[in-house]
Amino acid sequence: MKDSIIVQYVGFQAKLHAREYTFQVRSASEAREFTLNIANDAFLSHRVKYQDAPAICSQRLQEELAAHENHPVETKYTITLAELETYRAARAEKTNRYSPAHRAAS
């Protein structure tokens, strides 16, 4: 049976090559800290917006928790360019779905 958990975004640190986003995951039996990194180049090349980064990291962490019954072995992850592109494409699709032009065409 899966433990009930609470995932809390703690904050980020700007490092030399990446931004490091920290999350705390608590259950009744333990508390663990997870860090997820996004390369600085991804921000500078406009592949990701600074304000979207915590949501992207949270989504990846939720996937890891779900895949490992809330107990992943790893506590550090790096967000890939492919994950950033998938997130961006999903956001663009959602935005287009609710745009006035889309409603007029329906």
PDB file of N, CA and C in Angstrom:
ATOM      1  N   MET A   1       0.834  -1.179   0.000  1.00  0.00           N
ATOM      2  CA  MET A   1       0.000   0.000   0.000  1.00  0.00           C
ATOM      3  C   MET A   1       0.880   1.245   0.000  1.00  0.00           C
ATOM      4  N   LYS A   2       0.497   2.232  -0.790  1.00  0.00           N
ATOM      5  CA  LYS A   2       1.263   3.466  -0.867  1.00  0.00           C
ATOM      6  C   LYS A   2       1.033   4.323   0.365  1.00  0.00           C
ATOM      7  N   ASP A   3       2.121   4.926   0.843  1.00  0.00           N
ATOM      8  CA  ASP A   3       2.011   5.893   1.925  1.00  0.00           C
ATOM      9  C   ASP A   3       1.389   7.169   1.378  1.00  0.00           C
ATOM     10  N   SER A   4       0.632   7.849   2.198  1.00  0.00           N
ATOM     11  CA  SER A   4       0.154   9.180   1.854  1.00  0.00           C
ATOM     12  C   SER A   4       1.338  10.123   2.023  1.00  0.00           C
ATOM     13  N   ILE A   5       1.544  10.993   1.030  1.00  0.00           N
ATOM     14  CA  ILE A   5       2.702  11.877   1.087  1.00  0.00           C
ATOM     15  C   ILE A   5       2.305  13.335   0.883  1.00  0.00           C
ATOM     16  N   ILE A   6       3.191  14.200   1.317  1.00  0.00           N
ATOM     17  CA  ILE A   6       3.075  15.637   1.085  1.00  0.00           C
ATOM     18  C   ILE A   6       4.346  16.060   0.371  1.00  0.00           C
ATOM     19  N   VAL A   7       4.187  16.715  -0.786  1.00  0.00           N
ATOM     20  CA  VAL A   7       5.329  17.216  -1.542  1.00  0.00           C
ATOM     21  C   VAL A   7       5.332  18.728  -1.394  1.00  0.00           C
ATOM     22  N   GLN A   8       6.464  19.263  -0.936  1.00  0.00           N
ATOM     23  CA  GLN A   8       6.571  20.700  -0.712  1.00  0.00           C
ATOM     24  C   GLN A   8       7.782  21.254  -1.457  1.00  0.00           C
ATOM     25  N   TYR A   9       7.529  22.311  -2.246  1.00  0.00           N
ATOM     26  CA  TYR A   9       8.613  23.015  -2.923  1.00  0.00           C
ATOM     27  C   TYR A   9       9.319  23.884  -1.891  1.00  0.00           C
ATOM     28  N   VAL A  10      10.629  23.718  -1.754  1.00  0.00           N
ATOM     29  CA  VAL A  10      11.398  24.442  -0.756  1.00  0.00           C
ATOM     30  C   VAL A  10      12.020  25.702  -1.345  1.00  0.00           C
ATOM     31  N   GLY A  11      12.532  25.610  -2.562  1.00  0.00           N
ATOM     32  CA  GLY A  11      13.159  26.759  -3.199  1.00  0.00           C
ATOM     33  C   GLY A  11      14.208  26.315  -4.200  1.00  0.00           C
ATOM     34  N   PHE A  12      15.004  27.280  -4.673  1.00  0.00           N
ATOM     35  CA  PHE A  12      16.042  26.950  -5.636  1.00  0.00           C
ATOM     36  C   PHE A  12      17.321  27.681  -5.283  1.00  0.00           C
ATOM     37  N   GLN A  13      18.401  27.170  -5.861  1.00  0.00           N
ATOM     38  CA  GLN A  13      19.697  27.826  -5.763  1.00  0.00           C
ATOM     39  C   GLN A  13      20.265  27.937  -7.173  1.00  0.00           C
ATOM     40  N   ALA A  14      20.779  29.110  -7.496  1.00  0.00           N
ATOM     41  CA  ALA A  14      21.449  29.302  -8.780  1.00  0.00           C
ATOM     42  C   ALA A  14      22.888  28.826  -8.621  1.00  0.00           C
ATOM     43  N   LYS A  15      23.229  27.814  -9.365  1.00  0.00           N
ATOM     44  CA  LYS A  15      24.590  27.272  -9.345  1.00  0.00           C
ATOM     45  C   LYS A  15      25.317  27.709 -10.619  1.00  0.00           C
ATOM     46  N   LEU A  16      26.567  27.338 -10.748  1.00  0.00           N
ATOM     47  CA  LEU A  16      27.377  27.748 -11.888  1.00  0.00           C
ATOM     48  C   LEU A  16      26.799  27.272 -13.224  1.00  0.00           C
ATOM     49  N   HIS A  17      26.368  26.009 -13.277  1.00  0.00           N
ATOM     50  CA  HIS A  17      25.902  25.435 -14.536  1.00  0.00           C
ATOM     51  C   HIS A  17      24.414  25.117 -14.570  1.00  0.00           C
ATOM     52  N   ALA A  18      23.745  25.235 -13.443  1.00  0.00           N
ATOM     53  CA  ALA A  18      22.326  24.846 -13.396  1.00  0.00           C
ATOM     54  C   ALA A  18      21.625  25.551 -12.244  1.00  0.00           C
ATOM     55  N   ARG A  19      20.310  25.531 -12.321  1.00  0.00           N
ATOM     56  CA  ARG A  19      19.493  25.931 -11.184  1.00  0.00           C
ATOM     57  C   ARG A  19      19.039  24.646 -10.507  1.00  0.00           C
ATOM     58  N   GLU A  20      19.172  24.618  -9.195  1.00  0.00           N
ATOM     59  CA  GLU A  20      18.859  23.426  -8.418  1.00  0.00           C
ATOM     60  C   GLU A  20      17.577  23.691  -7.624  1.00  0.00           C
ATOM     61  N   TYR A  21      16.534  22.925  -7.920  1.00  0.00           N
ATOM     62  CA  TYR A  21      15.231  23.078  -7.268  1.00  0.00           C
ATOM     63  C   TYR A  21      15.092  21.987  -6.215  1.00  0.00           C
ATOM     64  N   THR A  22      14.704  22.397  -5.008  1.00  0.00           N
ATOM     65  CA  THR A  22      14.634  21.467  -3.878  1.00  0.00           C
ATOM     66  C   THR A  22      13.179  21.260  -3.458  1.00  0.00           C
ATOM     67  N   PHE A  23      12.853  20.003  -3.214  1.00  0.00           N
ATOM     68  CA  PHE A  23      11.532  19.607  -2.747  1.00  0.00           C
ATOM     69  C   PHE A  23      11.701  18.706  -1.541  1.00  0.00           C
ATOM     70  N   GLN A  24      10.782  18.822  -0.609  1.00  0.00           N
ATOM     71  CA  GLN A  24      10.745  17.912   0.534  1.00  0.00           C
ATOM     72  C   GLN A  24       9.508  17.040   0.379  1.00  0.00           C
ATOM     73  N   VAL A  25       9.695  15.746   0.553  1.00  0.00           N
ATOM     74  CA  VAL A  25       8.599  14.777   0.474  1.00  0.00           C
ATOM     75  C   VAL A  25       8.477  14.119   1.837  1.00  0.00           C
ATOM     76  N   ARG A  26       7.312  14.285   2.450  1.00  0.00           N
ATOM     77  CA  ARG A  26       7.082  13.748   3.785  1.00  0.00           C
ATOM     78  C   ARG A  26       5.957  12.712   3.753  1.00  0.00           C
ATOM     79  N   SER A  27       6.177  11.668   4.505  1.00  0.00           N
ATOM     80  CA  SER A  27       5.138  10.676   4.757  1.00  0.00           C
ATOM     81  C   SER A  27       5.066  10.477   6.264  1.00  0.00           C
ATOM     82  N   ALA A  28       4.195   9.598   6.697  1.00  0.00           N
ATOM     83  CA  ALA A  28       4.071   9.338   8.135  1.00  0.00           C
ATOM     84  C   ALA A  28       5.359   8.756   8.701  1.00  0.00           C
ATOM     85  N   SER A  29       6.115   8.054   7.866  1.00  0.00           N
ATOM     86  CA  SER A  29       7.292   7.356   8.376  1.00  0.00           C
ATOM     87  C   SER A  29       8.628   8.040   8.089  1.00  0.00           C
ATOM     88  N   GLU A  30       8.666   9.013   7.160  1.00  0.00           N
ATOM     89  CA  GLU A  30       9.951   9.622   6.832  1.00  0.00           C
ATOM     90  C   GLU A  30       9.777  10.954   6.104  1.00  0.00           C
ATOM     91  N   ALA A  31      10.869  11.691   6.066  1.00  0.00           N
ATOM     92  CA  ALA A  31      10.951  12.919   5.269  1.00  0.00           C
ATOM     93  C   ALA A  31      12.221  12.820   4.435  1.00  0.00           C
ATOM     94  N   ARG A  32      12.097  13.114   3.136  1.00  0.00           N
ATOM     95  CA  ARG A  32      13.250  13.058   2.238  1.00  0.00           C
ATOM     96  C   ARG A  32      13.318  14.342   1.433  1.00  0.00           C
ATOM     97  N   GLU A  33      14.541  14.683   1.039  1.00  0.00           N
ATOM     98  CA  GLU A  33      14.742  15.867   0.219  1.00  0.00           C
ATOM     99  C   GLU A  33      15.193  15.430  -1.173  1.00  0.00           C
ATOM    100  N   PHE A  34      14.612  16.057  -2.191  1.00  0.00           N
ATOM    101  CA  PHE A  34      14.939  15.757  -3.575  1.00  0.00           C
ATOM    102  C   PHE A  34      15.395  17.040  -4.261  1.00  0.00           C
ATOM    103  N   THR A  35      16.391  16.911  -5.111  1.00  0.00           N
ATOM    104  CA  THR A  35      16.834  18.061  -5.895  1.00  0.00           C
ATOM    105  C   THR A  35      16.729  17.714  -7.375  1.00  0.00           C
ATOM    106  N   LEU A  36      16.274  18.702  -8.127  1.00  0.00           N
ATOM    107  CA  LEU A  36      16.140  18.549  -9.567  1.00  0.00           C
ATOM    108  C   LEU A  36      16.836  19.736 -10.216  1.00  0.00           C
ATOM    109  N   ASN A  37      17.647  19.450 -11.211  1.00  0.00           N
ATOM    110  CA  ASN A  37      18.453  20.480 -11.857  1.00  0.00           C
ATOM    111  C   ASN A  37      17.968  20.758 -13.272  1.00  0.00           C
ATOM    112  N   ILE A  38      18.014  22.029 -13.629  1.00  0.00           N
ATOM    113  CA  ILE A  38      17.782  22.459 -15.003  1.00  0.00           C
ATOM    114  C   ILE A  38      18.989  23.293 -15.401  1.00  0.00           C
ATOM    115  N   ALA A  39      19.608  22.928 -16.516  1.00  0.00           N
ATOM    116  CA  ALA A  39      20.810  23.617 -16.976  1.00  0.00           C
ATOM    117  C   ALA A  39      20.515  25.089 -17.241  1.00  0.00           C
ATOM    118  N   ASN A  40      21.449  25.946 -16.856  1.00  0.00           N
ATOM    119  CA  ASN A  40      21.294  27.381 -17.099  1.00  0.00           C
ATOM    120  C   ASN A  40      21.083  27.685 -18.574  1.00  0.00           C
ATOM    121  N   ASP A  41      21.715  26.902 -19.436  1.00  0.00           N
ATOM    122  CA  ASP A  41      21.570  27.112 -20.875  1.00  0.00           C
ATOM    123  C   ASP A  41      20.118  26.997 -21.336  1.00  0.00           C
ATOM    124  N   ALA A  42      19.345  26.163 -20.679  1.00  0.00           N
ATOM    125  CA  ALA A  42      17.931  26.003 -21.055  1.00  0.00           C
ATOM    126  C   ALA A  42      17.160  27.306 -20.845  1.00  0.00           C
ATOM    127  N   PHE A  43      17.525  28.051 -19.830  1.00  0.00           N
ATOM    128  CA  PHE A  43      16.884  29.343 -19.584  1.00  0.00           C
ATOM    129  C   PHE A  43      17.393  30.388 -20.570  1.00  0.00           C
ATOM    130  N   LEU A  44      18.704  30.410 -20.770  1.00  0.00           N
ATOM    131  CA  LEU A  44      19.308  31.409 -21.645  1.00  0.00           C
ATOM    132  C   LEU A  44      18.882  31.241 -23.101  1.00  0.00           C
ATOM    133  N   SER A  45      18.612  30.002 -23.507  1.00  0.00           N
ATOM    134  CA  SER A  45      18.184  29.731 -24.885  1.00  0.00           C
ATOM    135  C   SER A  45      16.658  29.750 -25.021  1.00  0.00           C
ATOM    136  N   HIS A  46      15.971  30.144 -23.969  1.00  0.00           N
ATOM    137  CA  HIS A  46      14.503  30.282 -23.944  1.00  0.00           C
ATOM    138  C   HIS A  46      13.756  28.972 -24.169  1.00  0.00           C
ATOM    139  N   ARG A  47      14.370  27.862 -23.787  1.00  0.00           N
ATOM    140  CA  ARG A  47      13.669  26.573 -23.832  1.00  0.00           C
ATOM    141  C   ARG A  47      12.710  26.433 -22.661  1.00  0.00           C
ATOM    142  N   VAL A  48      12.979  27.199 -21.612  1.00  0.00           N
ATOM    143  CA  VAL A  48      12.134  27.162 -20.418  1.00  0.00           C
ATOM    144  C   VAL A  48      12.110  28.557 -19.795  1.00  0.00           C
ATOM    145  N   LYS A  49      10.961  28.897 -19.236  1.00  0.00           N
ATOM    146  CA  LYS A  49      10.826  30.160 -18.516  1.00  0.00           C
ATOM    147  C   LYS A  49      11.138  29.905 -17.044  1.00  0.00           C
ATOM    148  N   TYR A  50      11.739  30.901 -16.414  1.00  0.00           N
ATOM    149  CA  TYR A  50      12.079  30.759 -15.000  1.00  0.00           C
ATOM    150  C   TYR A  50      10.842  30.408 -14.168  1.00  0.00           C
ATOM    151  N   GLN A  51       9.710  31.037 -14.470  1.00  0.00           N
ATOM    152  CA  GLN A  51       8.516  30.807 -13.663  1.00  0.00           C
ATOM    153  C   GLN A  51       7.905  29.419 -13.882  1.00  0.00           C
ATOM    154  N   ASP A  52       8.255  28.737 -14.969  1.00  0.00           N
ATOM    155  CA  ASP A  52       7.739  27.386 -15.214  1.00  0.00           C
ATOM    156  C   ASP A  52       8.599  26.295 -14.577  1.00  0.00           C
ATOM    157  N   ALA A  53       9.816  26.624 -14.209  1.00  0.00           N
ATOM    158  CA  ALA A  53      10.766  25.612 -13.734  1.00  0.00           C
ATOM    159  C   ALA A  53      10.278  24.822 -12.514  1.00  0.00           C
ATOM    160  N   PRO A  54       9.724  25.461 -11.474  1.00  0.00           N
ATOM    161  CA  PRO A  54       9.256  24.643 -10.341  1.00  0.00           C
ATOM    162  C   PRO A  54       8.167  23.641 -10.737  1.00  0.00           C
ATOM    163  N   ALA A  55       7.267  24.041 -11.628  1.00  0.00           N
ATOM    164  CA  ALA A  55       6.202  23.127 -12.069  1.00  0.00           C
ATOM    165  C   ALA A  55       6.775  21.963 -12.868  1.00  0.00           C
ATOM    166  N   ILE A  56       7.758  22.248 -13.705  1.00  0.00           N
ATOM    167  CA  ILE A  56       8.403  21.188 -14.485  1.00  0.00           C
ATOM    168  C   ILE A  56       9.091  20.193 -13.547  1.00  0.00           C
ATOM    169  N   CYS A  57       9.801  20.708 -12.573  1.00  0.00           N
ATOM    170  CA  CYS A  57      10.490  19.836 -11.609  1.00  0.00           C
ATOM    171  C   CYS A  57       9.494  19.044 -10.768  1.00  0.00           C
ATOM    172  N   SER A  58       8.431  19.695 -10.360  1.00  0.00           N
ATOM    173  CA  SER A  58       7.404  19.015  -9.569  1.00  0.00           C
ATOM    174  C   SER A  58       6.776  17.874 -10.368  1.00  0.00           C
ATOM    175  N   GLN A  59       6.504  18.126 -11.629  1.00  0.00           N
ATOM    176  CA  GLN A  59       5.917  17.095 -12.488  1.00  0.00           C
ATOM    177  C   GLN A  59       6.851  15.894 -12.592  1.00  0.00           C
ATOM    178  N   ARG A  60       8.139  16.141 -12.805  1.00  0.00           N
ATOM    179  CA  ARG A  60       9.112  15.042 -12.899  1.00  0.00           C
ATOM    180  C   ARG A  60       9.190  14.281 -11.583  1.00  0.00           C
ATOM    181  N   LEU A  61       9.215  15.008 -10.466  1.00  0.00           N
ATOM    182  CA  LEU A  61       9.276  14.349  -9.159  1.00  0.00           C
ATOM    183  C   LEU A  61       8.032  13.497  -8.928  1.00  0.00           C
ATOM    184  N   GLN A  62       6.867  14.010  -9.272  1.00  0.00           N
ATOM    185  CA  GLN A  62       5.627  13.233  -9.121  1.00  0.00           C
ATOM    186  C   GLN A  62       5.693  11.940  -9.939  1.00  0.00           C
ATOM    187  N   GLU A  63       6.260  12.027 -11.148  1.00  0.00           N
ATOM    188  CA  GLU A  63       6.407  10.825 -11.984  1.00  0.00           C
ATOM    189  C   GLU A  63       7.336   9.811 -11.335  1.00  0.00           C
ATOM    190  N   GLU A  64       8.435  10.288 -10.769  1.00  0.00           N
ATOM    191  CA  GLU A  64       9.380   9.386 -10.097  1.00  0.00           C
ATOM    192  C   GLU A  64       8.748   8.752  -8.861  1.00  0.00           C
ATOM    193  N   LEU A  65       8.020   9.533  -8.107  1.00  0.00           N
ATOM    194  CA  LEU A  65       7.342   8.997  -6.922  1.00  0.00           C
ATOM    195  C   LEU A  65       6.324   7.935  -7.322  1.00  0.00           C
ATOM    196  N   ALA A  66       5.549   8.213  -8.350  1.00  0.00           N
ATOM    197  CA  ALA A  66       4.532   7.255  -8.809  1.00  0.00           C
ATOM    198  C   ALA A  66       5.171   5.974  -9.332  1.00  0.00           C
ATOM    199  N   ALA A  67       6.280   6.092 -10.020  1.00  0.00           N
ATOM    200  CA  ALA A  67       6.945   4.915 -10.593  1.00  0.00           C
ATOM    201  C   ALA A  67       7.598   4.030  -9.538  1.00  0.00           C
ATOM    202  N   HIS A  68       7.861   4.586  -8.371  1.00  0.00           N
ATOM    203  CA  HIS A  68       8.560   3.832  -7.322  1.00  0.00           C
ATOM    204  C   HIS A  68       7.771   3.761  -6.016  1.00  0.00           C
ATOM    205  N   GLU A  69       6.467   3.796  -6.121  1.00  0.00           N
ATOM    206  CA  GLU A  69       5.598   3.700  -4.949  1.00  0.00           C
ATOM    207  C   GLU A  69       6.012   4.654  -3.836  1.00  0.00           C
ATOM    208  N   ASN A  70       6.311   5.885  -4.218  1.00  0.00           N
ATOM    209  CA  ASN A  70       6.694   6.979  -3.311  1.00  0.00           C
ATOM    210  C   ASN A  70       8.062   6.815  -2.662  1.00  0.00           C
ATOM    211  N   HIS A  71       8.863   5.856  -3.116  1.00  0.00           N
ATOM    212  CA  HIS A  71      10.178   5.622  -2.525  1.00  0.00           C
ATOM    213  C   HIS A  71      11.271   5.446  -3.581  1.00  0.00           C
ATOM    214  N   PRO A  72      11.495   6.469  -4.423  1.00  0.00           N
ATOM    215  CA  PRO A  72      12.568   6.321  -5.411  1.00  0.00           C
ATOM    216  C   PRO A  72      13.926   6.218  -4.722  1.00  0.00           C
ATOM    217  N   VAL A  73      14.804   5.454  -5.319  1.00  0.00           N
ATOM    218  CA  VAL A  73      16.149   5.278  -4.767  1.00  0.00           C
ATOM    219  C   VAL A  73      16.942   6.569  -4.928  1.00  0.00           C
ATOM    220  N   GLU A  74      16.838   7.180  -6.100  1.00  0.00           N
ATOM    221  CA  GLU A  74      17.568   8.417  -6.386  1.00  0.00           C
ATOM    222  C   GLU A  74      16.908   9.597  -5.686  1.00  0.00           C
ATOM    223  N   THR A  75      17.717  10.594  -5.335  1.00  0.00           N
ATOM    224  CA  THR A  75      17.185  11.825  -4.761  1.00  0.00           C
ATOM    225  C   THR A  75      17.594  13.050  -5.576  1.00  0.00           C
ATOM    226  N   LYS A  76      18.376  12.828  -6.626  1.00  0.00           N
ATOM    227  CA  LYS A  76      18.815  13.926  -7.501  1.00  0.00           C
ATOM    228  C   LYS A  76      18.493  13.572  -8.940  1.00  0.00           C
ATOM    229  N   TYR A  77      17.901  14.530  -9.636  1.00  0.00           N
ATOM    230  CA  TYR A  77      17.506  14.327 -11.023  1.00  0.00           C
ATOM    231  C   TYR A  77      17.892  15.534 -11.853  1.00  0.00           C
ATOM    232  N   THR A  78      18.105  15.298 -13.126  1.00  0.00           N
ATOM    233  CA  THR A  78      18.367  16.370 -14.079  1.00  0.00           C
ATOM    234  C   THR A  78      17.250  16.370 -15.103  1.00  0.00           C
ATOM    235  N   ILE A  79      16.659  17.529 -15.303  1.00  0.00           N
ATOM    236  CA  ILE A  79      15.601  17.672 -16.301  1.00  0.00           C
ATOM    237  C   ILE A  79      16.262  17.728 -17.673  1.00  0.00           C
ATOM    238  N   THR A  80      15.814  16.882 -18.586  1.00  0.00           N
ATOM    239  CA  THR A  80      16.410  16.803 -19.919  1.00  0.00           C
ATOM    240  C   THR A  80      15.770  17.818 -20.866  1.00  0.00           C
ATOM    241  N   LEU A  81      16.451  18.077 -21.968  1.00  0.00           N
ATOM    242  CA  LEU A  81      15.890  18.960 -22.990  1.00  0.00           C
ATOM    243  C   LEU A  81      14.605  18.367 -23.569  1.00  0.00           C
ATOM    244  N   ALA A  82      14.550  17.050 -23.683  1.00  0.00           N
ATOM    245  CA  ALA A  82      13.340  16.395 -24.185  1.00  0.00           C
ATOM    246  C   ALA A  82      12.164  16.638 -23.240  1.00  0.00           C
ATOM    247  N   GLU A  83      12.393  16.583 -21.931  1.00  0.00           N
ATOM    248  CA  GLU A  83      11.330  16.859 -20.961  1.00  0.00           C
ATOM    249  C   GLU A  83      10.862  18.307 -21.053  1.00  0.00           C
ATOM    250  N   LEU A  84      11.800  19.220 -21.252  1.00  0.00           N
ATOM    251  CA  LEU A  84      11.436  20.633 -21.401  1.00  0.00           C
ATOM    252  C   LEU A  84      10.587  20.842 -22.648  1.00  0.00           C
ATOM    253  N   GLU A  85      10.949  20.185 -23.727  1.00  0.00           N
ATOM    254  CA  GLU A  85      10.192  20.329 -24.974  1.00  0.00           C
ATOM    255  C   GLU A  85       8.799  19.721 -24.832  1.00  0.00           C
ATOM    256  N   THR A  86       8.697  18.597 -24.162  1.00  0.00           N
ATOM    257  CA  THR A  86       7.391  17.970 -23.929  1.00  0.00           C
ATOM    258  C   THR A  86       6.504  18.893 -23.107  1.00  0.00           C
ATOM    259  N   TYR A  87       7.061  19.503 -22.074  1.00  0.00           N
ATOM    260  CA  TYR A  87       6.300  20.435 -21.233  1.00  0.00           C
ATOM    261  C   TYR A  87       5.851  21.636 -22.059  1.00  0.00           C
ATOM    262  N   ARG A  88       6.777  22.188 -22.841  1.00  0.00           N
ATOM    263  CA  ARG A  88       6.456  23.368 -23.652  1.00  0.00           C
ATOM    264  C   ARG A  88       5.373  23.056 -24.678  1.00  0.00           C
ATOM    265  N   ALA A  89       5.459  21.907 -25.323  1.00  0.00           N
ATOM    266  CA  ALA A  89       4.456  21.511 -26.313  1.00  0.00           C
ATOM    267  C   ALA A  89       3.085  21.325 -25.665  1.00  0.00           C
ATOM    268  N   ALA A  90       3.065  20.718 -24.491  1.00  0.00           N
ATOM    269  CA  ALA A  90       1.791  20.516 -23.782  1.00  0.00           C
ATOM    270  C   ALA A  90       1.178  21.850 -23.386  1.00  0.00           C
ATOM    271  N   ARG A  91       2.001  22.797 -22.948  1.00  0.00           N
ATOM    272  CA  ARG A  91       1.500  24.135 -22.582  1.00  0.00           C
ATOM    273  C   ARG A  91       0.963  24.867 -23.811  1.00  0.00           C
ATOM    274  N   ALA A  92       1.658  24.751 -24.935  1.00  0.00           N
ATOM    275  CA  ALA A  92       1.223  25.418 -26.162  1.00  0.00           C
ATOM    276  C   ALA A  92      -0.107  24.845 -26.631  1.00  0.00           C
ATOM    277  N   GLU A  93      -0.240  23.537 -26.539  1.00  0.00           N
ATOM    278  CA  GLU A  93      -1.499  22.882 -26.936  1.00  0.00           C
ATOM    279  C   GLU A  93      -2.646  23.341 -26.045  1.00  0.00           C
ATOM    280  N   LYS A  94      -2.406  23.412 -24.739  1.00  0.00           N
ATOM    281  CA  LYS A  94      -3.435  23.850 -23.796  1.00  0.00           C
ATOM    282  C   LYS A  94      -3.804  25.308 -24.055  1.00  0.00           C
ATOM    283  N   THR A  95      -2.823  26.159 -24.323  1.00  0.00           N
ATOM    284  CA  THR A  95      -3.079  27.569 -24.607  1.00  0.00           C
ATOM    285  C   THR A  95      -3.885  27.722 -25.890  1.00  0.00           C
ATOM    286  N   ASN A  96      -3.522  26.975 -26.914  1.00  0.00           N
ATOM    287  CA  ASN A  96      -4.241  27.049 -28.191  1.00  0.00           C
ATOM    288  C   ASN A  96      -5.681  26.565 -28.054  1.00  0.00           C
ATOM    289  N   ARG A  97      -5.906  25.611 -27.199  1.00  0.00           N
ATOM    290  CA  ARG A  97      -7.245  25.059 -27.010  1.00  0.00           C
ATOM    291  C   ARG A  97      -8.204  26.109 -26.444  1.00  0.00           C
ATOM    292  N   TYR A  98      -7.678  27.039 -25.666  1.00  0.00           N
ATOM    293  CA  TYR A  98      -8.516  28.041 -25.031  1.00  0.00           C
ATOM    294  C   TYR A  98      -8.403  29.425 -25.671  1.00  0.00           C
ATOM    295  N   SER A  99      -7.719  29.516 -26.801  1.00  0.00           N
ATOM    296  CA  SER A  99      -7.547  30.816 -27.445  1.00  0.00           C
ATOM    297  C   SER A  99      -8.854  31.248 -28.141  1.00  0.00           C
ATOM    298  N   PRO A 100      -9.113  32.561 -28.278  1.00  0.00           N
ATOM    299  CA  PRO A 100     -10.316  33.043 -28.949  1.00  0.00           C
ATOM    300  C   PRO A 100     -10.420  32.557 -30.389  1.00  0.00           C
ATOM    301  N   ALA A 101      -9.304  32.461 -31.101  1.00  0.00           N
ATOM    302  CA  ALA A 101      -9.322  31.996 -32.490  1.00  0.00           C
ATOM    303  C   ALA A 101      -9.822  30.554 -32.577  1.00  0.00           C
ATOM    304  N   HIS A 102      -9.417  29.727 -31.612  1.00  0.00           N
ATOM    305  CA  HIS A 102      -9.840  28.337 -31.594  1.00  0.00           C
ATOM    306  C   HIS A 102     -11.345  28.228 -31.339  1.00  0.00           C
ATOM    307  N   ARG A 103     -11.854  29.049 -30.422  1.00  0.00           N
ATOM    308  CA  ARG A 103     -13.300  29.008 -30.129  1.00  0.00           C
ATOM    309  C   ARG A 103     -14.109  29.477 -31.314  1.00  0.00           C
ATOM    310  N   ALA A 104     -13.621  30.483 -32.058  1.00  0.00           N
ATOM    311  CA  ALA A 104     -14.336  30.993 -33.221  1.00  0.00           C
ATOM    312  C   ALA A 104     -14.408  29.947 -34.318  1.00  0.00           C
ATOM    313  N   ALA A 105     -13.383  29.121 -34.427  1.00  0.00           N
ATOM    314  CA  ALA A 105     -13.343  28.084 -35.460  1.00  0.00           C
ATOM    315  C   ALA A 105     -14.233  26.904 -35.109  1.00  0.00           C
ATOM    316  N   SER A 106     -14.582  26.748 -33.842  1.00  0.00           N
ATOM    317  CA  SER A 106     -15.377  25.587 -33.395  1.00  0.00           C
ATOM    318  C   SER A 106     -16.801  25.668 -33.804  1.00  0.00           C
TER     319      SER A 106
END
